[in-house]
Amino acid sequence: MKGFKILLAVITLTGLVLIPARCIFAQNETVSSHPGQSTQISLYSQTGTQINTQLKQIPSTTPNTSETTINATPAPATRVFFPFVIAPQLAYFVSPSGNDSNPGTFHKPWRTIQKAADTLVAGDTVKILPGTYNEKFTPKNSGNPEAYITYTADPGTVVLDGSGVTLSTDPKGDGLVQIQGKSYIKVQNLTIRNASVNCVNISENSSGTGSTYIEIIALTIQNCNIVGIRARITEHLLLKDNQINHTNF
């Protein structure tokens, strides 16, 4: 705790704390100080979701004696919150009741999945909240080997419905999930239905660059006019636990 207090004092006095738009909060809690002092560091995302907890035992400076205090009053807990610049925000959120001008947090989510697809960079995740979304989405950016871009939802809660959504008949294909020339993308736990062409299309981009390291996991795919999952000029494609029915091709 001494080192932590010195660090906090230096930060407070110098005013050198940088507060980015996306930050993680560290909460320091003194859990007990008898007979030793246990310090717990908890990390939270901007949305309040706990990310990690580290527990550090600091030996007591009070020598052990043969006496035991039965009803000792524990030392009061101390809680200190401060911006801690260690990693980008871990998750964005989309909701049918959201707005694309929002910052994409849990309390102020975006409205469309495409807004997330235009924003996410390597290591980011979008959590799609329950509801039906009448749209297609096309990821703008790629992830990297250490940091996928992830589109996810709680199983059975989100429907991507293509009713009324226009899809092209380009030879490279089109789909409600349209991944072209991108890498390290993961899409999971969605129901995708009623596509006039493909439900999921993975192919090269306009420059001929193929897609690589794409993971399509636990999708329920229904009523696709051509195919459920189409892949063209794609390498390292993982398809796992998907269910496909009522396709015409």
Protein backbone atom coordinates (compact mmCIF):
# COMPACT_ATOMS: atom_id res chain seq x y z
CA MET A 1 0.00 0.00 0.00
CA LYS A 2 2.90 2.40 0.67
CA GLY A 3 4.04 2.21 -2.92
CA PHE A 4 0.44 2.64 -4.15
CA LYS A 5 -0.09 5.74 -1.98
CA ILE A 6 3.17 7.28 -3.22
CA LEU A 7 2.11 6.65 -6.84
CA LEU A 8 -1.33 8.14 -6.24
CA ALA A 9 0.21 11.19 -4.53
CA VAL A 10 2.58 11.78 -7.42
CA ILE A 11 -0.24 11.50 -9.93
CA THR A 12 -2.43 13.89 -7.92
CA LEU A 13 0.32 16.50 -7.41
CA THR A 14 1.70 16.55 -10.92
CA GLY A 15 -1.64 16.32 -12.70
CA LEU A 16 -0.12 14.10 -15.34
CA VAL A 17 -2.95 11.58 -15.51
CA LEU A 18 -4.10 11.17 -19.08
CA ILE A 19 -7.79 10.41 -19.46
CA PRO A 20 -8.53 8.93 -22.88
CA ALA A 21 -11.99 8.63 -24.34
CA ARG A 22 -11.78 4.89 -23.70
CA CYS A 23 -10.30 3.90 -20.37
CA ILE A 24 -10.42 1.26 -17.68
CA PHE A 25 -10.94 2.08 -14.03
CA ALA A 26 -8.92 0.50 -11.25
CA GLN A 27 -10.50 0.11 -7.83
CA ASN A 28 -8.22 -0.46 -4.84
CA GLU A 29 -9.89 -2.04 -1.84
CA THR A 30 -8.30 -2.69 1.54
CA VAL A 31 -10.14 -5.82 2.58
CA SER A 32 -8.59 -6.49 5.98
CA SER A 33 -5.64 -5.32 8.03
CA HIS A 34 -5.56 -8.02 10.77
CA PRO A 35 -3.27 -9.89 11.12
CA GLY A 36 -1.99 -8.95 7.61
CA GLN A 37 -3.26 -6.45 5.12
CA SER A 38 -4.97 -7.77 1.99
CA THR A 39 -5.15 -5.34 -0.92
CA GLN A 40 -7.45 -6.14 -3.83
CA ILE A 41 -7.07 -4.38 -7.20
CA SER A 42 -10.17 -4.63 -9.39
CA LEU A 43 -10.24 -3.46 -13.02
CA TYR A 44 -13.46 -2.23 -14.61
CA SER A 45 -14.33 -1.25 -18.19
CA GLN A 46 -15.96 2.07 -19.03
CA THR A 47 -19.33 0.34 -18.80
CA GLY A 48 -18.70 -0.92 -15.29
CA THR A 49 -18.04 -4.53 -16.19
CA GLN A 50 -15.37 -6.09 -13.99
CA ILE A 51 -12.42 -7.23 -16.09
CA ASN A 52 -9.86 -8.63 -13.68
CA THR A 53 -9.07 -8.89 -9.99
CA GLN A 54 -5.64 -9.15 -8.47
CA LEU A 55 -5.19 -9.99 -4.77
CA LYS A 56 -1.97 -9.04 -3.05
CA GLN A 57 -1.10 -9.97 0.52
CA ILE A 58 1.04 -7.44 2.35
CA PRO A 59 2.56 -8.77 5.58
CA SER A 60 1.59 -7.01 8.77
CA THR A 61 4.22 -4.92 10.52
CA THR A 62 2.64 -5.86 13.86
CA PRO A 63 4.56 -8.72 15.50
CA ASN A 64 2.61 -11.89 16.29
CA THR A 65 1.78 -12.46 19.97
CA SER A 66 0.08 -15.22 21.89
CA GLU A 67 -2.96 -13.04 22.51
CA THR A 68 -6.01 -13.34 20.30
CA THR A 69 -8.67 -10.67 19.91
CA ILE A 70 -12.02 -12.32 19.28
CA ASN A 71 -14.24 -9.37 18.36
CA ALA A 72 -11.69 -7.08 16.80
CA THR A 73 -13.13 -4.33 14.58
CA PRO A 74 -11.60 -4.55 11.08
CA ALA A 75 -9.93 -1.51 9.61
CA PRO A 76 -12.30 0.55 7.45
CA ALA A 77 -12.17 -0.20 3.73
CA THR A 78 -10.64 2.44 1.52
CA ARG A 79 -11.71 2.82 -2.09
CA VAL A 80 -9.88 4.95 -4.60
CA PHE A 81 -11.01 5.42 -8.22
CA PHE A 82 -8.77 6.95 -10.85
CA PRO A 83 -8.28 6.69 -14.63
CA PHE A 84 -5.74 3.98 -15.40
CA VAL A 85 -4.42 3.98 -18.95
CA ILE A 86 -3.70 0.32 -19.64
CA ALA A 87 -5.88 -0.89 -22.52
CA PRO A 88 -8.60 0.24 -24.93
CA GLN A 89 -12.25 -0.25 -24.11
CA LEU A 90 -13.11 -3.93 -24.36
CA ALA A 91 -16.70 -3.77 -25.58
CA TYR A 92 -19.21 -1.64 -27.42
CA PHE A 93 -22.96 -2.19 -27.42
CA VAL A 94 -25.78 -2.07 -29.98
CA SER A 95 -29.48 -2.01 -29.15
CA PRO A 96 -32.74 -1.59 -31.10
CA SER A 97 -33.43 1.37 -28.80
CA GLY A 98 -30.00 2.93 -29.32
CA ASN A 99 -28.77 5.79 -31.48
CA ASP A 100 -25.76 5.82 -33.79
CA SER A 101 -24.76 9.24 -32.43
CA ASN A 102 -24.26 7.66 -28.99
CA PRO A 103 -20.79 6.62 -27.76
CA GLY A 104 -21.71 2.91 -27.94
CA THR A 105 -21.60 2.21 -24.19
CA PHE A 106 -24.02 -0.08 -22.38
CA HIS A 107 -26.15 2.84 -21.17
CA LYS A 108 -25.84 4.72 -24.49
CA PRO A 109 -25.64 2.03 -27.18
CA TRP A 110 -25.59 2.40 -30.94
CA ARG A 111 -28.64 1.61 -33.02
CA THR A 112 -27.13 -0.37 -35.90
CA ILE A 113 -24.61 -3.16 -36.17
CA GLN A 114 -23.11 -1.36 -39.18
CA LYS A 115 -22.15 1.54 -36.92
CA ALA A 116 -20.13 -0.95 -34.89
CA ALA A 117 -18.72 -2.48 -38.08
CA ASP A 118 -17.49 0.96 -39.17
CA THR A 119 -15.90 1.67 -35.77
CA LEU A 120 -14.35 -1.51 -34.37
CA VAL A 121 -10.59 -2.03 -34.63
CA ALA A 122 -8.33 -4.91 -33.62
CA GLY A 123 -9.20 -6.23 -30.15
CA ASP A 124 -12.67 -4.64 -29.98
CA THR A 125 -15.92 -6.50 -29.34
CA VAL A 126 -19.48 -5.42 -29.98
CA LYS A 127 -22.16 -6.98 -27.81
CA ILE A 128 -25.44 -6.95 -29.73
CA LEU A 129 -28.30 -6.60 -27.27
CA PRO A 130 -31.58 -8.56 -27.67
CA GLY A 131 -33.87 -7.69 -30.54
CA THR A 132 -34.42 -7.90 -34.30
CA TYR A 133 -32.18 -5.92 -36.66
CA ASN A 134 -33.31 -5.39 -40.26
CA GLU A 135 -29.94 -4.70 -41.85
CA LYS A 136 -26.76 -6.16 -43.28
CA PHE A 137 -23.32 -5.34 -41.95
CA THR A 138 -19.89 -5.22 -43.51
CA PRO A 139 -16.80 -4.99 -41.29
CA LYS A 140 -14.62 -2.02 -42.25
CA ASN A 141 -11.45 -3.09 -40.44
CA SER A 142 -9.45 -6.24 -39.79
CA GLY A 143 -8.18 -7.59 -36.51
CA ASN A 144 -4.75 -9.12 -36.03
CA PRO A 145 -3.41 -12.48 -34.77
CA GLU A 146 -3.41 -11.33 -31.15
CA ALA A 147 -6.68 -9.38 -31.31
CA TYR A 148 -9.75 -10.47 -33.26
CA ILE A 149 -12.68 -8.15 -33.93
CA THR A 150 -15.73 -9.87 -32.45
CA TYR A 151 -19.46 -9.54 -33.12
CA THR A 152 -21.40 -11.43 -30.47
CA ALA A 153 -24.68 -11.74 -28.59
CA ASP A 154 -26.25 -13.89 -25.93
CA PRO A 155 -27.41 -17.12 -27.64
CA GLY A 156 -30.95 -16.99 -28.96
CA THR A 157 -31.52 -13.29 -28.34
CA VAL A 158 -30.60 -11.53 -31.59
CA VAL A 159 -32.08 -11.85 -35.08
CA LEU A 160 -30.50 -10.32 -38.18
CA ASP A 161 -33.49 -10.24 -40.54
CA GLY A 162 -33.04 -9.50 -44.23
CA SER A 163 -36.70 -8.79 -44.96
CA GLY A 164 -36.67 -5.67 -47.15
CA VAL A 165 -32.85 -5.49 -47.22
CA THR A 166 -31.48 -5.17 -50.76
CA LEU A 167 -28.51 -7.41 -51.57
CA SER A 168 -26.51 -7.23 -54.79
CA THR A 169 -25.89 -10.04 -57.28
CA ASP A 170 -22.19 -9.22 -57.64
CA PRO A 171 -20.08 -12.26 -58.67
CA LYS A 172 -18.13 -11.89 -55.40
CA GLY A 173 -21.40 -12.44 -53.60
CA ASP A 174 -23.38 -10.52 -51.03
CA GLY A 175 -24.85 -11.43 -47.66
CA LEU A 176 -26.46 -10.08 -44.54
CA VAL A 177 -23.03 -10.66 -43.00
CA GLN A 178 -20.66 -9.44 -45.71
CA ILE A 179 -16.92 -9.99 -45.09
CA GLN A 180 -14.69 -9.02 -48.00
CA GLY A 181 -10.90 -8.96 -47.91
CA LYS A 182 -10.77 -8.82 -44.11
CA SER A 183 -8.89 -10.89 -41.55
CA TYR A 184 -9.28 -11.97 -37.94
CA ILE A 185 -13.02 -11.47 -37.68
CA LYS A 186 -15.32 -13.51 -35.42
CA VAL A 187 -19.13 -13.62 -35.68
CA GLN A 188 -21.08 -15.71 -33.19
CA ASN A 189 -24.45 -16.42 -31.53
CA LEU A 190 -26.72 -14.72 -34.08
CA THR A 191 -29.86 -15.88 -35.89
CA ILE A 192 -29.64 -14.80 -39.54
CA ARG A 193 -32.66 -15.21 -41.76
CA ASN A 194 -34.60 -14.09 -44.84
CA ALA A 195 -31.70 -13.11 -47.12
CA SER A 196 -32.49 -12.45 -50.78
CA VAL A 197 -29.00 -13.76 -51.70
CA ASN A 198 -26.70 -15.32 -49.08
CA CYS A 199 -27.05 -15.16 -45.32
CA VAL A 200 -23.26 -15.01 -44.81
CA ASN A 201 -20.82 -14.16 -47.60
CA ILE A 202 -17.02 -14.29 -47.20
CA SER A 203 -14.98 -13.34 -50.24
CA GLU A 204 -12.28 -11.12 -51.72
CA ASN A 205 -12.52 -7.34 -51.90
CA SER A 206 -12.56 -5.18 -55.03
CA SER A 207 -8.74 -5.35 -55.20
CA GLY A 208 -8.77 -9.14 -55.18
CA THR A 209 -7.49 -9.53 -51.61
CA GLY A 210 -9.07 -12.59 -50.02
CA SER A 211 -10.34 -12.98 -46.46
CA THR A 212 -8.34 -14.94 -43.90
CA TYR A 213 -8.78 -16.17 -40.34
CA ILE A 214 -12.54 -15.80 -40.18
CA GLU A 215 -14.54 -17.57 -37.46
CA ILE A 216 -18.27 -18.19 -37.87
CA ILE A 217 -19.57 -19.80 -34.68
CA ALA A 218 -23.00 -20.89 -33.38
CA LEU A 219 -25.13 -19.13 -35.97
CA THR A 220 -28.70 -20.22 -36.69
CA ILE A 221 -29.23 -19.58 -40.39
CA GLN A 222 -32.68 -19.79 -42.01
CA ASN A 223 -34.39 -18.99 -45.31
CA CYS A 224 -31.49 -17.93 -47.51
CA ASN A 225 -32.31 -17.57 -51.20
CA ILE A 226 -28.89 -18.82 -52.34
CA VAL A 227 -26.72 -20.36 -49.59
CA GLY A 228 -26.34 -20.13 -45.82
CA ILE A 229 -22.57 -19.55 -45.64
CA ARG A 230 -20.67 -18.85 -48.85
CA ALA A 231 -16.86 -18.61 -48.93
CA ARG A 232 -14.78 -17.62 -51.94
CA ILE A 233 -11.01 -16.95 -52.05
CA THR A 234 -10.81 -17.47 -48.28
CA GLU A 235 -8.15 -19.11 -46.14
CA HIS A 236 -8.18 -20.31 -42.52
CA LEU A 237 -11.95 -20.32 -42.18
CA LEU A 238 -13.44 -21.85 -39.03
CA LEU A 239 -17.10 -22.93 -39.12
CA LYS A 240 -18.30 -24.33 -35.80
CA ASP A 241 -21.69 -25.26 -34.31
CA ASN A 242 -23.76 -23.56 -37.01
CA GLN A 243 -27.26 -24.72 -37.98
CA ILE A 244 -28.48 -24.06 -41.52
CA ASN A 245 -31.93 -24.84 -42.93
CA HIS A 246 -34.24 -23.78 -45.76
CA THR A 247 -31.71 -22.64 -48.34
CA ASN A 248 -32.53 -22.73 -52.05
CA PHE A 249 -29.14 -23.46 -53.63
